[in-house]
Amino acid sequence: MSTSLRPLLAVLALAPASSAFAAPQPEFTLGTELYHEKYEEEIGGAKFMQEEAWMAGLNGSARFFLADNHAVKFKGRYAQGESDYTGGYNGGPGYGSLRIDGLDRSVYELHGAYEYTSPWEDHPVISSLGLGYRNLTDRLDQGGPGGYKRVSEYWYATLAFESSFFLGTSYWQATPRVAYNYLLQGKQHSYLSSGELQNDQNKGHGFELAMSFSRPINLGARSTLSVTPFFRYWDIKKSESIYTLNGGLIYENYEPNNTTKEFGLNLSLGF
């Protein structure tokens, strides 16, 4: 009799211990964002071209907990808008002599990261290491003869830190976040009338700054509303050159040094 009870008692004794280590429930967000983008190129320290656009889009994320302090997070976004182009004519007047408005522009981005949470002075600090992919399509071909479609691809690594704290005795919680992006590989696809050119971009970096303000709302036990102003930045160095022959002349084709600045606001629902 006592022998037959031991396995059952062992199972009953283990059950509370197993449930104590159960991982938290997954967390999801869905949101929308609006931001202003400014893209600039320079050659030899002089401004070569610029595009400015208001971009609007959707974003979302999913966080899955592996244990109390360990998680993986996946996120993505898509945005589109119309850019105003400022540049110059080939072999003619320089920067500022050519202006074209209303060029379609779109971007999507995918990112995955491992996260570790540790306490610091009674506040949780999340450190994360991840990989991302960014794809931007620029329809310069809509500007008339001489324009061409461009697709820019970035593969990058990210190191990020964030923390959270309540604002006084209110329900609002603030979450500052800073991230550094290191370009692993970039490709610029230029669809010219003579065919496609691919330029490799191997040097570049960027960073992201954000401050999220969130509070619970009555849409479920864990639902929250978040408002997040943000700033994103990229600095990409001159690409590798491709040489082409046209009319007996050799031409050097490359993507110049360029920067991208994005400042905007994200509104999201967490559940």
Protein backbone atom coordinates (compact mmCIF):
# COMPACT_ATOMS: atom_id res chain seq x y z
CA MET A 1 0.00 0.00 0.00
CA SER A 2 2.69 2.50 0.97
CA THR A 3 4.73 1.59 -2.13
CA SER A 4 1.86 2.39 -4.49
CA LEU A 5 1.33 5.80 -2.87
CA ARG A 6 4.91 7.02 -3.26
CA PRO A 7 4.78 7.73 -7.02
CA LEU A 8 1.49 9.58 -6.60
CA LEU A 9 2.82 11.64 -3.70
CA ALA A 10 5.93 12.43 -5.70
CA VAL A 11 3.85 13.70 -8.61
CA LEU A 12 1.70 15.81 -6.27
CA ALA A 13 4.81 17.24 -4.66
CA LEU A 14 6.33 18.16 -8.01
CA ALA A 15 3.23 19.85 -9.40
CA PRO A 16 3.48 23.10 -7.38
CA ALA A 17 7.20 23.33 -8.09
CA SER A 18 6.63 22.98 -11.84
CA SER A 19 3.89 25.61 -11.93
CA ALA A 20 6.12 28.05 -10.03
CA PHE A 21 8.47 28.16 -13.00
CA ALA A 22 5.74 28.73 -15.61
CA ALA A 23 6.73 31.47 -18.05
CA PRO A 24 4.55 34.62 -18.29
CA GLN A 25 1.98 34.87 -21.04
CA PRO A 26 3.12 36.24 -24.44
CA GLU A 27 2.75 39.98 -25.06
CA PHE A 28 1.58 41.53 -28.33
CA THR A 29 1.27 45.07 -29.72
CA LEU A 30 -0.43 46.58 -32.76
CA GLY A 31 0.07 50.19 -33.70
CA THR A 32 0.32 52.96 -36.23
CA GLU A 33 3.06 55.53 -36.77
CA LEU A 34 3.52 58.87 -38.49
CA TYR A 35 6.96 60.35 -39.07
CA HIS A 36 8.97 62.79 -41.15
CA GLU A 37 11.90 61.34 -43.10
CA LYS A 38 14.86 63.27 -44.48
CA TYR A 39 17.33 61.43 -46.73
CA GLU A 40 20.52 63.18 -47.89
CA GLU A 41 23.48 62.25 -50.10
CA GLU A 42 26.81 64.02 -50.39
CA ILE A 43 29.85 63.70 -52.66
CA GLY A 44 33.20 65.11 -51.59
CA GLY A 45 31.58 66.89 -48.66
CA ALA A 46 29.10 68.73 -50.90
CA LYS A 47 25.37 68.04 -50.87
CA PHE A 48 24.29 66.02 -53.91
CA MET A 49 20.61 65.25 -53.39
CA GLN A 50 17.86 65.23 -50.78
CA GLU A 51 14.45 63.64 -50.30
CA GLU A 52 11.88 64.61 -47.68
CA ALA A 53 8.67 62.72 -46.99
CA TRP A 54 5.87 62.30 -44.50
CA MET A 55 5.45 58.57 -43.93
CA ALA A 56 2.49 56.74 -42.35
CA GLY A 57 2.29 53.07 -41.53
CA LEU A 58 1.50 50.12 -39.28
CA ASN A 59 3.63 48.14 -36.85
CA GLY A 60 3.39 45.21 -34.49
CA SER A 61 5.39 43.06 -32.10
CA ALA A 62 5.25 39.74 -30.24
CA ARG A 63 7.25 38.86 -27.12
CA PHE A 64 7.55 35.26 -25.93
CA PHE A 65 9.01 34.51 -22.49
CA LEU A 66 11.46 31.63 -22.18
CA ALA A 67 11.81 32.01 -18.39
CA ASP A 68 11.34 34.75 -15.80
CA ASN A 69 14.23 36.89 -17.11
CA HIS A 70 14.62 35.62 -20.68
CA ALA A 71 12.49 36.36 -23.74
CA VAL A 72 12.53 36.65 -27.52
CA LYS A 73 10.82 39.51 -29.31
CA PHE A 74 9.82 39.82 -32.97
CA LYS A 75 8.60 43.05 -34.52
CA GLY A 76 7.84 44.50 -37.92
CA ARG A 77 6.61 47.68 -39.55
CA TYR A 78 5.47 49.02 -42.92
CA ALA A 79 5.15 52.66 -43.99
CA GLN A 80 4.59 54.61 -47.18
CA GLY A 81 4.42 58.20 -48.35
CA GLU A 82 5.40 60.67 -51.07
CA SER A 83 8.80 62.34 -51.18
CA ASP A 84 9.92 65.73 -52.45
CA TYR A 85 13.20 65.43 -54.35
CA THR A 86 15.88 68.12 -54.59
CA GLY A 87 18.96 67.54 -56.74
CA GLY A 88 20.68 68.68 -59.92
CA TYR A 89 21.01 67.85 -63.60
CA ASN A 90 23.73 65.48 -64.81
CA GLY A 91 26.48 67.55 -66.37
CA GLY A 92 24.49 70.72 -65.73
CA PRO A 93 23.55 73.02 -62.86
CA GLY A 94 24.28 71.65 -59.41
CA TYR A 95 22.27 70.89 -56.30
CA GLY A 96 19.01 72.78 -56.02
CA SER A 97 18.43 73.20 -59.75
CA LEU A 98 16.06 70.21 -59.96
CA ARG A 99 12.97 69.75 -57.79
CA ILE A 100 10.35 67.01 -58.15
CA ASP A 101 7.43 66.41 -55.78
CA GLY A 102 5.12 63.46 -55.17
CA LEU A 103 7.45 60.47 -55.65
CA ASP A 104 6.15 57.24 -54.08
CA ARG A 105 8.25 55.84 -51.25
CA SER A 106 7.72 52.76 -49.08
CA VAL A 107 9.65 50.81 -46.46
CA TYR A 108 9.26 47.65 -44.42
CA GLU A 109 11.41 46.37 -41.59
CA LEU A 110 11.66 43.05 -39.72
CA HIS A 111 13.54 42.46 -36.48
CA GLY A 112 14.12 39.67 -33.96
CA ALA A 113 15.97 39.86 -30.64
CA TYR A 114 16.88 37.98 -27.48
CA GLU A 115 16.06 39.92 -24.29
CA TYR A 116 17.36 39.64 -20.74
CA THR A 117 15.72 41.50 -17.86
CA SER A 118 17.68 42.50 -14.75
CA PRO A 119 16.81 44.84 -11.84
CA TRP A 120 18.50 48.20 -11.32
CA GLU A 121 17.46 50.30 -8.31
CA ASP A 122 13.99 48.73 -8.26
CA HIS A 123 13.50 49.26 -12.00
CA PRO A 124 13.61 46.51 -14.65
CA VAL A 125 16.31 46.94 -17.29
CA ILE A 126 15.91 45.00 -20.54
CA SER A 127 19.08 44.37 -22.53
CA SER A 128 18.62 42.93 -26.01
CA LEU A 129 20.74 41.67 -28.88
CA GLY A 130 19.12 41.13 -32.26
CA LEU A 131 19.17 41.07 -36.05
CA GLY A 132 17.15 43.22 -38.43
CA TYR A 133 16.31 43.68 -42.11
CA ARG A 134 15.22 46.96 -43.73
CA ASN A 135 13.90 47.32 -47.29
CA LEU A 136 13.14 50.73 -48.82
CA THR A 137 11.74 51.37 -52.31
CA ASP A 138 12.28 54.81 -53.85
CA ARG A 139 10.37 55.57 -57.07
CA LEU A 140 12.63 58.18 -58.66
CA ASP A 141 11.49 56.81 -62.03
CA GLN A 142 8.21 58.69 -61.52
CA GLY A 143 10.12 61.96 -61.92
CA GLY A 144 10.50 61.65 -65.68
CA PRO A 145 13.42 60.88 -68.02
CA GLY A 146 16.67 60.19 -66.20
CA GLY A 147 14.95 58.92 -63.08
CA TYR A 148 15.07 55.30 -61.99
CA LYS A 149 13.62 53.01 -59.35
CA ARG A 150 15.86 52.25 -56.37
CA VAL A 151 15.61 49.53 -53.72
CA SER A 152 17.81 49.73 -50.63
CA GLU A 153 18.40 46.68 -48.40
CA TYR A 154 20.08 46.70 -44.97
CA TRP A 155 20.95 43.69 -42.83
CA TYR A 156 22.06 44.84 -39.39
CA ALA A 157 22.77 43.86 -35.77
CA THR A 158 21.21 45.69 -32.82
CA LEU A 159 22.23 46.26 -29.20
CA ALA A 160 19.49 47.94 -27.15
CA PHE A 161 18.59 48.90 -23.58
CA GLU A 162 15.31 50.01 -22.05
CA SER A 163 13.79 50.49 -18.61
CA SER A 164 10.41 51.43 -17.13
CA PHE A 165 9.21 53.57 -14.23
CA PHE A 166 5.91 55.07 -13.10
CA LEU A 167 5.31 58.81 -13.32
CA GLY A 168 4.60 59.73 -9.72
CA THR A 169 1.45 58.09 -8.38
CA SER A 170 -0.34 58.06 -11.74
CA TYR A 171 -1.16 55.08 -13.93
CA TRP A 172 1.23 56.32 -16.61
CA GLN A 173 4.46 54.42 -17.09
CA ALA A 174 7.48 55.82 -18.98
CA THR A 175 9.86 53.55 -20.90
CA PRO A 176 12.99 55.13 -22.40
CA ARG A 177 14.80 53.04 -25.02
CA VAL A 178 18.10 53.43 -26.85
CA ALA A 179 19.39 51.13 -29.62
CA TYR A 180 22.56 51.01 -31.68
CA ASN A 181 22.40 49.46 -35.17
CA TYR A 182 25.50 48.13 -36.92
CA LEU A 183 25.30 47.51 -40.66
CA LEU A 184 26.31 43.96 -41.53
CA GLN A 185 25.56 44.20 -45.23
CA GLY A 186 23.77 46.61 -47.53
CA LYS A 187 22.72 46.39 -51.16
CA GLN A 188 21.51 49.18 -53.40
CA HIS A 189 19.54 48.06 -56.46
CA SER A 190 19.32 50.67 -59.23
CA TYR A 191 16.95 49.81 -62.09
CA LEU A 192 18.36 51.84 -64.99
CA SER A 193 17.11 51.82 -68.58
CA SER A 194 20.25 49.85 -69.47
CA GLY A 195 19.64 47.22 -66.77
CA GLU A 196 19.99 46.67 -63.04
CA LEU A 197 23.06 47.70 -61.04
CA GLN A 198 23.81 46.33 -57.57
CA ASN A 199 26.14 48.24 -55.28
CA ASP A 200 27.36 46.69 -52.02
CA GLN A 201 27.32 48.92 -48.94
CA ASN A 202 29.54 47.47 -46.23
CA LYS A 203 30.07 50.36 -43.81
CA GLY A 204 27.43 52.11 -41.79
CA HIS A 205 25.63 52.41 -38.49
CA GLY A 206 22.56 53.94 -36.92
CA PHE A 207 20.71 54.45 -33.68
CA GLU A 208 17.18 54.77 -32.32
CA LEU A 209 15.87 56.84 -29.41
CA ALA A 210 12.34 56.45 -28.06
CA MET A 211 10.30 57.34 -24.98
CA SER A 212 7.09 55.39 -24.55
CA PHE A 213 4.26 56.58 -22.27
CA SER A 214 1.72 53.85 -21.51
CA ARG A 215 -1.22 53.16 -19.22
CA PRO A 216 -3.76 50.35 -18.75
CA ILE A 217 -7.13 50.61 -20.48
CA ASN A 218 -10.38 48.68 -20.06
CA LEU A 219 -10.10 46.36 -23.04
CA GLY A 220 -8.87 43.32 -21.14
CA ALA A 221 -6.84 42.28 -18.13
CA ARG A 222 -3.49 43.21 -19.70
CA SER A 223 -4.41 45.79 -22.35
CA THR A 224 -2.41 49.03 -22.48
CA LEU A 225 -2.34 52.18 -24.60
CA SER A 226 1.08 53.59 -25.52
CA VAL A 227 2.19 56.87 -27.09
CA THR A 228 5.83 56.88 -28.24
CA PRO A 229 7.79 59.76 -29.77
CA PHE A 230 10.89 58.43 -31.54
CA PHE A 231 13.96 59.36 -33.57
CA ARG A 232 15.75 56.98 -35.98
CA TYR A 233 19.04 57.64 -37.75
CA TRP A 234 21.25 55.92 -40.34
CA ASP A 235 24.71 56.91 -41.60
CA ILE A 236 25.83 54.79 -44.58
CA LYS A 237 29.22 55.24 -46.21
CA LYS A 238 30.03 55.23 -49.93
CA SER A 239 29.31 51.89 -51.59
CA GLU A 240 31.68 49.78 -53.62
CA SER A 241 31.95 50.97 -57.22
CA ILE A 242 30.78 49.24 -60.38
CA TYR A 243 32.39 50.25 -63.68
CA THR A 244 30.39 50.20 -66.91
CA LEU A 245 31.29 50.90 -70.54
CA ASN A 246 29.03 53.21 -72.55
CA GLY A 247 29.89 54.83 -75.88
CA GLY A 248 33.54 53.98 -75.51
CA LEU A 249 33.73 55.67 -72.11
CA ILE A 250 34.13 54.00 -68.70
CA TYR A 251 31.75 55.20 -65.99
CA GLU A 252 32.05 54.69 -62.23
CA ASN A 253 28.71 53.88 -60.56
CA TYR A 254 28.36 54.05 -56.79
CA GLU A 255 26.05 55.13 -53.98
CA PRO A 256 27.41 58.23 -52.20
CA ASN A 257 27.67 58.77 -48.45
CA ASN A 258 24.13 59.19 -47.16
CA THR A 259 22.16 59.79 -43.98
CA THR A 260 18.54 59.14 -43.03
CA LYS A 261 16.73 60.95 -40.21
CA GLU A 262 13.25 59.98 -39.06
CA PHE A 263 11.31 61.76 -36.31
CA GLY A 264 7.77 60.78 -35.46
CA LEU A 265 5.08 59.38 -33.18
CA ASN A 266 3.80 55.85 -32.63
CA LEU A 267 0.38 55.01 -31.15
CA SER A 268 -0.07 51.36 -30.14
CA LEU A 269 -2.29 48.95 -28.24
CA GLY A 270 -0.74 46.21 -26.10
CA PHE A 271 -2.48 43.03 -25.04
